[in-house]
Amino acid sequence: MSLMYYGKIFVFMMLVGSFSFCLKRKHLLLMLLSLEFIILSLYMLMFIYLSMFDYEYYFSMMYLTFCVCESVLGLSILVSLIRTHGNDYYFSMNMLC
């Protein structure tokens, strides 16, 4: 199969991840998983794009580094939210407290 076919698959994965992100907007853990799915599909798309033009893969390593930092930040927010409120649903948080 050609590289363009794989590119279409990863764009479809990104759209499915965006759709699931919009549907699961009340549950923080499912939103984080959807974001990770979008990040993974963007990484694969970027890797295919860079391999088509024979570029260096240094930018993909920087992208993965920033994605890991974003994931750790999201999980730390999730843990602090569960410790303070007991669950990760948005409707149970009171922003006035």
PDB file of N, CA and C in Angstrom:
ATOM      1  N   MET A   1       0.831  -1.181   0.000  1.00  0.00           N
ATOM      2  CA  MET A   1       0.000   0.000   0.000  1.00  0.00           C
ATOM      3  C   MET A   1       0.876   1.246   0.000  1.00  0.00           C
ATOM      4  N   SER A   2       0.370   2.292  -0.565  1.00  0.00           N
ATOM      5  CA  SER A   2       1.156   3.513  -0.691  1.00  0.00           C
ATOM      6  C   SER A   2       1.106   4.326   0.603  1.00  0.00           C
ATOM      7  N   LEU A   3       2.008   5.283   0.682  1.00  0.00           N
ATOM      8  CA  LEU A   3       2.072   6.129   1.865  1.00  0.00           C
ATOM      9  C   LEU A   3       0.866   7.045   1.975  1.00  0.00           C
ATOM     10  N   MET A   4       0.296   7.428   0.857  1.00  0.00           N
ATOM     11  CA  MET A   4      -0.884   8.302   0.889  1.00  0.00           C
ATOM     12  C   MET A   4      -2.085   7.578   1.477  1.00  0.00           C
ATOM     13  N   TYR A   5      -2.177   6.266   1.245  1.00  0.00           N
ATOM     14  CA  TYR A   5      -3.260   5.484   1.836  1.00  0.00           C
ATOM     15  C   TYR A   5      -3.141   5.490   3.356  1.00  0.00           C
ATOM     16  N   TYR A   6      -1.915   5.318   3.866  1.00  0.00           N
ATOM     17  CA  TYR A   6      -1.706   5.364   5.311  1.00  0.00           C
ATOM     18  C   TYR A   6      -2.023   6.751   5.858  1.00  0.00           C
ATOM     19  N   GLY A   7      -1.706   7.784   5.108  1.00  0.00           N
ATOM     20  CA  GLY A   7      -2.025   9.143   5.532  1.00  0.00           C
ATOM     21  C   GLY A   7      -3.522   9.342   5.691  1.00  0.00           C
ATOM     22  N   LYS A   8      -4.302   8.769   4.773  1.00  0.00           N
ATOM     23  CA  LYS A   8      -5.760   8.869   4.874  1.00  0.00           C
ATOM     24  C   LYS A   8      -6.283   8.119   6.090  1.00  0.00           C
ATOM     25  N   ILE A   9      -5.666   7.007   6.408  1.00  0.00           N
ATOM     26  CA  ILE A   9      -6.075   6.255   7.605  1.00  0.00           C
ATOM     27  C   ILE A   9      -5.828   7.076   8.860  1.00  0.00           C
ATOM     28  N   PHE A  10      -4.680   7.732   8.941  1.00  0.00           N
ATOM     29  CA  PHE A  10      -4.352   8.499  10.143  1.00  0.00           C
ATOM     30  C   PHE A  10      -5.190   9.768  10.255  1.00  0.00           C
ATOM     31  N   VAL A  11      -5.575  10.351   9.128  1.00  0.00           N
ATOM     32  CA  VAL A  11      -6.502  11.493   9.167  1.00  0.00           C
ATOM     33  C   VAL A  11      -7.862  11.028   9.661  1.00  0.00           C
ATOM     34  N   PHE A  12      -8.290   9.850   9.221  1.00  0.00           N
ATOM     35  CA  PHE A  12      -9.548   9.289   9.714  1.00  0.00           C
ATOM     36  C   PHE A  12      -9.473   9.007  11.212  1.00  0.00           C
ATOM     37  N   MET A  13      -8.325   8.511  11.671  1.00  0.00           N
ATOM     38  CA  MET A  13      -8.148   8.277  13.107  1.00  0.00           C
ATOM     39  C   MET A  13      -8.239   9.585  13.884  1.00  0.00           C
ATOM     40  N   MET A  14      -7.682  10.642  13.338  1.00  0.00           N
ATOM     41  CA  MET A  14      -7.736  11.938  14.004  1.00  0.00           C
ATOM     42  C   MET A  14      -9.176  12.447  14.086  1.00  0.00           C
ATOM     43  N   LEU A  15      -9.952  12.251  13.025  1.00  0.00           N
ATOM     44  CA  LEU A  15     -11.352  12.668  13.037  1.00  0.00           C
ATOM     45  C   LEU A  15     -12.180  11.850  14.024  1.00  0.00           C
ATOM     46  N   VAL A  16     -11.909  10.554  14.122  1.00  0.00           N
ATOM     47  CA  VAL A  16     -12.612   9.712  15.091  1.00  0.00           C
ATOM     48  C   VAL A  16     -12.253  10.128  16.519  1.00  0.00           C
ATOM     49  N   GLY A  17     -10.980  10.447  16.754  1.00  0.00           N
ATOM     50  CA  GLY A  17     -10.564  10.929  18.066  1.00  0.00           C
ATOM     51  C   GLY A  17     -11.210  12.252  18.428  1.00  0.00           C
ATOM     52  N   SER A  18     -11.335  13.137  17.460  1.00  0.00           N
ATOM     53  CA  SER A  18     -11.992  14.425  17.706  1.00  0.00           C
ATOM     54  C   SER A  18     -13.475  14.233  17.991  1.00  0.00           C
ATOM     55  N   PHE A  19     -14.098  13.316  17.267  1.00  0.00           N
ATOM     56  CA  PHE A  19     -15.517  13.023  17.486  1.00  0.00           C
ATOM     57  C   PHE A  19     -15.739  12.434  18.876  1.00  0.00           C
ATOM     58  N   SER A  20     -14.881  11.501  19.297  1.00  0.00           N
ATOM     59  CA  SER A  20     -15.036  10.932  20.635  1.00  0.00           C
ATOM     60  C   SER A  20     -14.713  11.954  21.718  1.00  0.00           C
ATOM     61  N   PHE A  21     -13.802  12.889  21.436  1.00  0.00           N
ATOM     62  CA  PHE A  21     -13.501  13.958  22.385  1.00  0.00           C
ATOM     63  C   PHE A  21     -14.727  14.843  22.601  1.00  0.00           C
ATOM     64  N   CYS A  22     -15.442  15.124  21.523  1.00  0.00           N
ATOM     65  CA  CYS A  22     -16.646  15.958  21.637  1.00  0.00           C
ATOM     66  C   CYS A  22     -17.779  15.227  22.334  1.00  0.00           C
ATOM     67  N   LEU A  23     -17.870  13.915  22.150  1.00  0.00           N
ATOM     68  CA  LEU A  23     -18.961  13.156  22.769  1.00  0.00           C
ATOM     69  C   LEU A  23     -18.739  12.917  24.264  1.00  0.00           C
ATOM     70  N   LYS A  24     -17.511  12.755  24.685  1.00  0.00           N
ATOM     71  CA  LYS A  24     -17.195  12.421  26.078  1.00  0.00           C
ATOM     72  C   LYS A  24     -16.706  13.630  26.847  1.00  0.00           C
ATOM     73  N   ARG A  25     -17.327  14.785  26.636  1.00  0.00           N
ATOM     74  CA  ARG A  25     -16.822  16.015  27.231  1.00  0.00           C
ATOM     75  C   ARG A  25     -17.109  16.147  28.720  1.00  0.00           C
ATOM     76  N   LYS A  26     -17.924  15.262  29.295  1.00  0.00           N
ATOM     77  CA  LYS A  26     -18.233  15.356  30.721  1.00  0.00           C
ATOM     78  C   LYS A  26     -17.329  14.478  31.581  1.00  0.00           C
ATOM     79  N   HIS A  27     -16.579  13.599  30.981  1.00  0.00           N
ATOM     80  CA  HIS A  27     -15.742  12.658  31.719  1.00  0.00           C
ATOM     81  C   HIS A  27     -14.284  12.940  31.386  1.00  0.00           C
ATOM     82  N   LEU A  28     -13.511  13.372  32.372  1.00  0.00           N
ATOM     83  CA  LEU A  28     -12.159  13.858  32.129  1.00  0.00           C
ATOM     84  C   LEU A  28     -11.211  12.753  31.669  1.00  0.00           C
ATOM     85  N   LEU A  29     -11.319  11.557  32.221  1.00  0.00           N
ATOM     86  CA  LEU A  29     -10.411  10.485  31.826  1.00  0.00           C
ATOM     87  C   LEU A  29     -10.632  10.084  30.365  1.00  0.00           C
ATOM     88  N   LEU A  30     -11.872  10.012  29.930  1.00  0.00           N
ATOM     89  CA  LEU A  30     -12.146   9.672  28.537  1.00  0.00           C
ATOM     90  C   LEU A  30     -11.716  10.798  27.598  1.00  0.00           C
ATOM     91  N   MET A  31     -11.787  12.033  28.068  1.00  0.00           N
ATOM     92  CA  MET A  31     -11.286  13.143  27.255  1.00  0.00           C
ATOM     93  C   MET A  31      -9.770  13.054  27.091  1.00  0.00           C
ATOM     94  N   LEU A  32      -9.069  12.694  28.158  1.00  0.00           N
ATOM     95  CA  LEU A  32      -7.620  12.548  28.064  1.00  0.00           C
ATOM     96  C   LEU A  32      -7.241  11.398  27.136  1.00  0.00           C
ATOM     97  N   LEU A  33      -7.983  10.301  27.187  1.00  0.00           N
ATOM     98  CA  LEU A  33      -7.708   9.188  26.281  1.00  0.00           C
ATOM     99  C   LEU A  33      -7.969   9.574  24.826  1.00  0.00           C
ATOM    100  N   SER A  34      -9.007  10.345  24.595  1.00  0.00           N
ATOM    101  CA  SER A  34      -9.276  10.812  23.229  1.00  0.00           C
ATOM    102  C   SER A  34      -8.169  11.736  22.743  1.00  0.00           C
ATOM    103  N   LEU A  35      -7.674  12.605  23.623  1.00  0.00           N
ATOM    104  CA  LEU A  35      -6.561  13.475  23.244  1.00  0.00           C
ATOM    105  C   LEU A  35      -5.304  12.677  22.915  1.00  0.00           C
ATOM    106  N   GLU A  36      -5.047  11.617  23.673  1.00  0.00           N
ATOM    107  CA  GLU A  36      -3.890  10.771  23.386  1.00  0.00           C
ATOM    108  C   GLU A  36      -4.055  10.060  22.049  1.00  0.00           C
ATOM    109  N   PHE A  37      -5.272   9.663  21.723  1.00  0.00           N
ATOM    110  CA  PHE A  37      -5.532   9.033  20.435  1.00  0.00           C
ATOM    111  C   PHE A  37      -5.290  10.020  19.295  1.00  0.00           C
ATOM    112  N   ILE A  38      -5.700  11.269  19.481  1.00  0.00           N
ATOM    113  CA  ILE A  38      -5.462  12.300  18.467  1.00  0.00           C
ATOM    114  C   ILE A  38      -3.969  12.564  18.329  1.00  0.00           C
ATOM    115  N   ILE A  39      -3.266  12.614  19.447  1.00  0.00           N
ATOM    116  CA  ILE A  39      -1.823  12.852  19.425  1.00  0.00           C
ATOM    117  C   ILE A  39      -1.104  11.711  18.710  1.00  0.00           C
ATOM    118  N   LEU A  40      -1.527  10.483  18.964  1.00  0.00           N
ATOM    119  CA  LEU A  40      -0.903   9.344  18.302  1.00  0.00           C
ATOM    120  C   LEU A  40      -1.149   9.363  16.802  1.00  0.00           C
ATOM    121  N   SER A  41      -2.362   9.699  16.398  1.00  0.00           N
ATOM    122  CA  SER A  41      -2.640   9.744  14.961  1.00  0.00           C
ATOM    123  C   SER A  41      -1.880  10.887  14.286  1.00  0.00           C
ATOM    124  N   LEU A  42      -1.749  12.029  14.958  1.00  0.00           N
ATOM    125  CA  LEU A  42      -0.961  13.125  14.391  1.00  0.00           C
ATOM    126  C   LEU A  42       0.514  12.766  14.290  1.00  0.00           C
ATOM    127  N   TYR A  43       1.002  12.012  15.275  1.00  0.00           N
ATOM    128  CA  TYR A  43       2.399  11.584  15.222  1.00  0.00           C
ATOM    129  C   TYR A  43       2.628  10.646  14.048  1.00  0.00           C
ATOM    130  N   MET A  44       1.722   9.704  13.862  1.00  0.00           N
ATOM    131  CA  MET A  44       1.870   8.775  12.736  1.00  0.00           C
ATOM    132  C   MET A  44       1.777   9.508  11.403  1.00  0.00           C
ATOM    133  N   LEU A  45       0.859  10.465  11.304  1.00  0.00           N
ATOM    134  CA  LEU A  45       0.731  11.245  10.081  1.00  0.00           C
ATOM    135  C   LEU A  45       1.999  12.060   9.823  1.00  0.00           C
ATOM    136  N   MET A  46       2.560  12.645  10.862  1.00  0.00           N
ATOM    137  CA  MET A  46       3.785  13.419  10.714  1.00  0.00           C
ATOM    138  C   MET A  46       4.958  12.514  10.330  1.00  0.00           C
ATOM    139  N   PHE A  47       4.993  11.318  10.888  1.00  0.00           N
ATOM    140  CA  PHE A  47       6.064  10.378  10.561  1.00  0.00           C
ATOM    141  C   PHE A  47       5.982   9.949   9.095  1.00  0.00           C
ATOM    142  N   ILE A  48       4.766   9.692   8.609  1.00  0.00           N
ATOM    143  CA  ILE A  48       4.585   9.340   7.201  1.00  0.00           C
ATOM    144  C   ILE A  48       4.990  10.509   6.310  1.00  0.00           C
ATOM    145  N   TYR A  49       4.579  11.716   6.692  1.00  0.00           N
ATOM    146  CA  TYR A  49       4.916  12.902   5.906  1.00  0.00           C
ATOM    147  C   TYR A  49       6.426  13.115   5.849  1.00  0.00           C
ATOM    148  N   LEU A  50       7.097  12.970   6.974  1.00  0.00           N
ATOM    149  CA  LEU A  50       8.546  13.173   6.985  1.00  0.00           C
ATOM    150  C   LEU A  50       9.271  12.070   6.222  1.00  0.00           C
ATOM    151  N   SER A  51       8.739  10.864   6.221  1.00  0.00           N
ATOM    152  CA  SER A  51       9.404   9.791   5.488  1.00  0.00           C
ATOM    153  C   SER A  51       9.207   9.933   3.978  1.00  0.00           C
ATOM    154  N   MET A  52       8.121  10.585   3.557  1.00  0.00           N
ATOM    155  CA  MET A  52       7.909  10.789   2.120  1.00  0.00           C
ATOM    156  C   MET A  52       8.945  11.741   1.536  1.00  0.00           C
ATOM    157  N   PHE A  53       9.382  12.726   2.304  1.00  0.00           N
ATOM    158  CA  PHE A  53      10.308  13.729   1.803  1.00  0.00           C
ATOM    159  C   PHE A  53      11.729  13.544   2.313  1.00  0.00           C
ATOM    160  N   ASP A  54      12.005  12.434   2.956  1.00  0.00           N
ATOM    161  CA  ASP A  54      13.345  12.093   3.463  1.00  0.00           C
ATOM    162  C   ASP A  54      13.929  13.159   4.383  1.00  0.00           C
ATOM    163  N   TYR A  55      13.084  13.721   5.240  1.00  0.00           N
ATOM    164  CA  TYR A  55      13.570  14.674   6.228  1.00  0.00           C
ATOM    165  C   TYR A  55      14.119  13.928   7.438  1.00  0.00           C
ATOM    166  N   GLU A  56      14.787  14.685   8.299  1.00  0.00           N
ATOM    167  CA  GLU A  56      15.253  14.096   9.539  1.00  0.00           C
ATOM    168  C   GLU A  56      14.074  13.908  10.484  1.00  0.00           C
ATOM    169  N   TYR A  57      14.213  12.995  11.376  1.00  0.00           N
ATOM    170  CA  TYR A  57      13.130  12.676  12.309  1.00  0.00           C
ATOM    171  C   TYR A  57      13.334  13.342  13.667  1.00  0.00           C
ATOM    172  N   TYR A  58      14.148  14.372  13.707  1.00  0.00           N
ATOM    173  CA  TYR A  58      14.405  15.075  14.959  1.00  0.00           C
ATOM    174  C   TYR A  58      13.148  15.780  15.451  1.00  0.00           C
ATOM    175  N   PHE A  59      12.363  16.339  14.542  1.00  0.00           N
ATOM    176  CA  PHE A  59      11.143  17.034  14.919  1.00  0.00           C
ATOM    177  C   PHE A  59      10.129  16.080  15.531  1.00  0.00           C
ATOM    178  N   SER A  60      10.081  14.847  15.053  1.00  0.00           N
ATOM    179  CA  SER A  60       9.146  13.876  15.631  1.00  0.00           C
ATOM    180  C   SER A  60       9.542  13.515  17.065  1.00  0.00           C
ATOM    181  N   MET A  61      10.835  13.497  17.356  1.00  0.00           N
ATOM    182  CA  MET A  61      11.275  13.231  18.724  1.00  0.00           C
ATOM    183  C   MET A  61      10.913  14.393  19.646  1.00  0.00           C
ATOM    184  N   MET A  62      11.025  15.619  19.154  1.00  0.00           N
ATOM    185  CA  MET A  62      10.596  16.772  19.950  1.00  0.00           C
ATOM    186  C   MET A  62       9.091  16.742  20.175  1.00  0.00           C
ATOM    187  N   TYR A  63       8.336  16.356  19.162  1.00  0.00           N
ATOM    188  CA  TYR A  63       6.884  16.253  19.279  1.00  0.00           C
ATOM    189  C   TYR A  63       6.504  15.225  20.338  1.00  0.00           C
ATOM    190  N   LEU A  64       7.163  14.090  20.341  1.00  0.00           N
ATOM    191  CA  LEU A  64       6.877  13.068  21.353  1.00  0.00           C
ATOM    192  C   LEU A  64       7.212  13.556  22.756  1.00  0.00           C
ATOM    193  N   THR A  65       8.289  14.325  22.886  1.00  0.00           N
ATOM    194  CA  THR A  65       8.662  14.864  24.189  1.00  0.00           C
ATOM    195  C   THR A  65       7.586  15.794  24.728  1.00  0.00           C
ATOM    196  N   PHE A  66       7.091  16.690  23.884  1.00  0.00           N
ATOM    197  CA  PHE A  66       6.040  17.600  24.320  1.00  0.00           C
ATOM    198  C   PHE A  66       4.726  16.863  24.589  1.00  0.00           C
ATOM    199  N   CYS A  67       4.464  15.810  23.843  1.00  0.00           N
ATOM    200  CA  CYS A  67       3.243  15.025  24.069  1.00  0.00           C
ATOM    201  C   CYS A  67       3.293  14.296  25.400  1.00  0.00           C
ATOM    202  N   VAL A  68       4.451  13.807  25.759  1.00  0.00           N
ATOM    203  CA  VAL A  68       4.596  13.146  27.061  1.00  0.00           C
ATOM    204  C   VAL A  68       4.410  14.152  28.187  1.00  0.00           C
ATOM    205  N   CYS A  69       4.951  15.351  28.033  1.00  0.00           N
ATOM    206  CA  CYS A  69       4.756  16.397  29.041  1.00  0.00           C
ATOM    207  C   CYS A  69       3.286  16.762  29.180  1.00  0.00           C
ATOM    208  N   GLU A  70       2.573  16.846  28.058  1.00  0.00           N
ATOM    209  CA  GLU A  70       1.138  17.148  28.088  1.00  0.00           C
ATOM    210  C   GLU A  70       0.362  16.030  28.760  1.00  0.00           C
ATOM    211  N   SER A  71       0.754  14.792  28.517  1.00  0.00           N
ATOM    212  CA  SER A  71       0.066  13.654  29.129  1.00  0.00           C
ATOM    213  C   SER A  71       0.265  13.622  30.640  1.00  0.00           C
ATOM    214  N   VAL A  72       1.477  13.891  31.072  1.00  0.00           N
ATOM    215  CA  VAL A  72       1.772  13.898  32.507  1.00  0.00           C
ATOM    216  C   VAL A  72       1.016  15.023  33.201  1.00  0.00           C
ATOM    217  N   LEU A  73       0.935  16.178  32.569  1.00  0.00           N
ATOM    218  CA  LEU A  73       0.189  17.293  33.133  1.00  0.00           C
ATOM    219  C   LEU A  73      -1.298  16.957  33.241  1.00  0.00           C
ATOM    220  N   GLY A  74      -1.862  16.327  32.218  1.00  0.00           N
ATOM    221  CA  GLY A  74      -3.263  15.928  32.260  1.00  0.00           C
ATOM    222  C   GLY A  74      -3.548  14.903  33.334  1.00  0.00           C
ATOM    223  N   LEU A  75      -2.668  13.928  33.484  1.00  0.00           N
ATOM    224  CA  LEU A  75      -2.861  12.918  34.531  1.00  0.00           C
ATOM    225  C   LEU A  75      -2.706  13.510  35.923  1.00  0.00           C
ATOM    226  N   SER A  76      -1.801  14.471  36.092  1.00  0.00           N
ATOM    227  CA  SER A  76      -1.659  15.091  37.412  1.00  0.00           C
ATOM    228  C   SER A  76      -2.892  15.923  37.756  1.00  0.00           C
ATOM    229  N   ILE A  77      -3.473  16.591  36.776  1.00  0.00           N
ATOM    230  CA  ILE A  77      -4.725  17.319  37.018  1.00  0.00           C
ATOM    231  C   ILE A  77      -5.838  16.348  37.360  1.00  0.00           C
ATOM    232  N   LEU A  78      -5.880  15.215  36.684  1.00  0.00           N
ATOM    233  CA  LEU A  78      -6.892  14.204  36.968  1.00  0.00           C
ATOM    234  C   LEU A  78      -6.757  13.656  38.382  1.00  0.00           C
ATOM    235  N   VAL A  79      -5.532  13.378  38.806  1.00  0.00           N
ATOM    236  CA  VAL A  79      -5.314  12.848  40.155  1.00  0.00           C
ATOM    237  C   VAL A  79      -5.705  13.877  41.209  1.00  0.00           C
ATOM    238  N   SER A  80      -5.327  15.128  41.008  1.00  0.00           N
ATOM    239  CA  SER A  80      -5.696  16.148  41.992  1.00  0.00           C
ATOM    240  C   SER A  80      -7.201  16.376  42.020  1.00  0.00           C
ATOM    241  N   LEU A  81      -7.863  16.273  40.883  1.00  0.00           N
ATOM    242  CA  LEU A  81      -9.318  16.414  40.827  1.00  0.00           C
ATOM    243  C   LEU A  81     -10.009  15.268  41.557  1.00  0.00           C
ATOM    244  N   ILE A  82      -9.518  14.061  41.377  1.00  0.00           N
ATOM    245  CA  ILE A  82     -10.119  12.911  42.063  1.00  0.00           C
ATOM    246  C   ILE A  82      -9.870  12.995  43.561  1.00  0.00           C
ATOM    247  N   ARG A  83      -8.711  13.478  43.966  1.00  0.00           N
ATOM    248  CA  ARG A  83      -8.434  13.606  45.404  1.00  0.00           C
ATOM    249  C   ARG A  83      -9.306  14.658  46.067  1.00  0.00           C
ATOM    250  N   THR A  84      -9.615  15.727  45.362  1.00  0.00           N
ATOM    251  CA  THR A  84     -10.406  16.792  45.982  1.00  0.00           C
ATOM    252  C   THR A  84     -11.903  16.566  45.864  1.00  0.00           C
ATOM    253  N   HIS A  85     -12.378  16.061  44.715  1.00  0.00           N
ATOM    254  CA  HIS A  85     -13.817  15.937  44.491  1.00  0.00           C
ATOM    255  C   HIS A  85     -14.337  14.504  44.547  1.00  0.00           C
ATOM    256  N   GLY A  86     -13.478  13.519  44.474  1.00  0.00           N
ATOM    257  CA  GLY A  86     -13.913  12.135  44.576  1.00  0.00           C
ATOM    258  C   GLY A  86     -14.230  11.468  43.257  1.00  0.00           C
ATOM    259  N   ASN A  87     -14.421  12.203  42.197  1.00  0.00           N
ATOM    260  CA  ASN A  87     -14.640  11.623  40.872  1.00  0.00           C
ATOM    261  C   ASN A  87     -14.140  12.607  39.821  1.00  0.00           C
ATOM    262  N   ASP A  88     -14.309  12.237  38.554  1.00  0.00           N
ATOM    263  CA  ASP A  88     -13.792  13.099  37.496  1.00  0.00           C
ATOM    264  C   ASP A  88     -14.882  13.575  36.540  1.00  0.00           C
ATOM    265  N   TYR A  89     -16.088  13.705  37.050  1.00  0.00           N
ATOM    266  CA  TYR A  89     -17.174  14.253  36.244  1.00  0.00           C
ATOM    267  C   TYR A  89     -17.222  15.769  36.429  1.00  0.00           C
ATOM    268  N   TYR A  90     -17.458  16.476  35.352  1.00  0.00           N
ATOM    269  CA  TYR A  90     -17.494  17.934  35.423  1.00  0.00           C
ATOM    270  C   TYR A  90     -18.699  18.460  36.192  1.00  0.00           C
ATOM    271  N   PHE A  91     -19.812  17.751  36.131  1.00  0.00           N
ATOM    272  CA  PHE A  91     -21.021  18.288  36.769  1.00  0.00           C
ATOM    273  C   PHE A  91     -20.932  18.253  38.288  1.00  0.00           C
ATOM    274  N   SER A  92     -20.016  17.473  38.860  1.00  0.00           N
ATOM    275  CA  SER A  92     -19.902  17.424  40.321  1.00  0.00           C
ATOM    276  C   SER A  92     -18.969  18.503  40.882  1.00  0.00           C
ATOM    277  N   MET A  93     -18.272  19.229  40.014  1.00  0.00           N
ATOM    278  CA  MET A  93     -17.371  20.278  40.491  1.00  0.00           C
ATOM    279  C   MET A  93     -18.152  21.566  40.690  1.00  0.00           C
ATOM    280  N   ASN A  94     -17.864  22.210  41.790  1.00  0.00           N
ATOM    281  CA  ASN A  94     -18.463  23.523  42.062  1.00  0.00           C
ATOM    282  C   ASN A  94     -17.340  24.546  41.923  1.00  0.00           C
ATOM    283  N   MET A  95     -17.414  25.392  40.944  1.00  0.00           N
ATOM    284  CA  MET A  95     -16.356  26.371  40.683  1.00  0.00           C
ATOM    285  C   MET A  95     -16.381  27.538  41.647  1.00  0.00           C
ATOM    286  N   LEU A  96     -17.424  27.685  42.458  1.00  0.00           N
ATOM    287  CA  LEU A  96     -17.518  28.809  43.370  1.00  0.00           C
ATOM    288  C   LEU A  96     -16.807  28.576  44.689  1.00  0.00           C
ATOM    289  N   CYS A  97     -16.435  27.338  44.982  1.00  0.00           N
ATOM    290  CA  CYS A  97     -15.780  27.040  46.269  1.00  0.00           C
ATOM    291  C   CYS A  97     -14.326  27.434  46.258  1.00  0.00           C
TER     292      CYS A  97
END
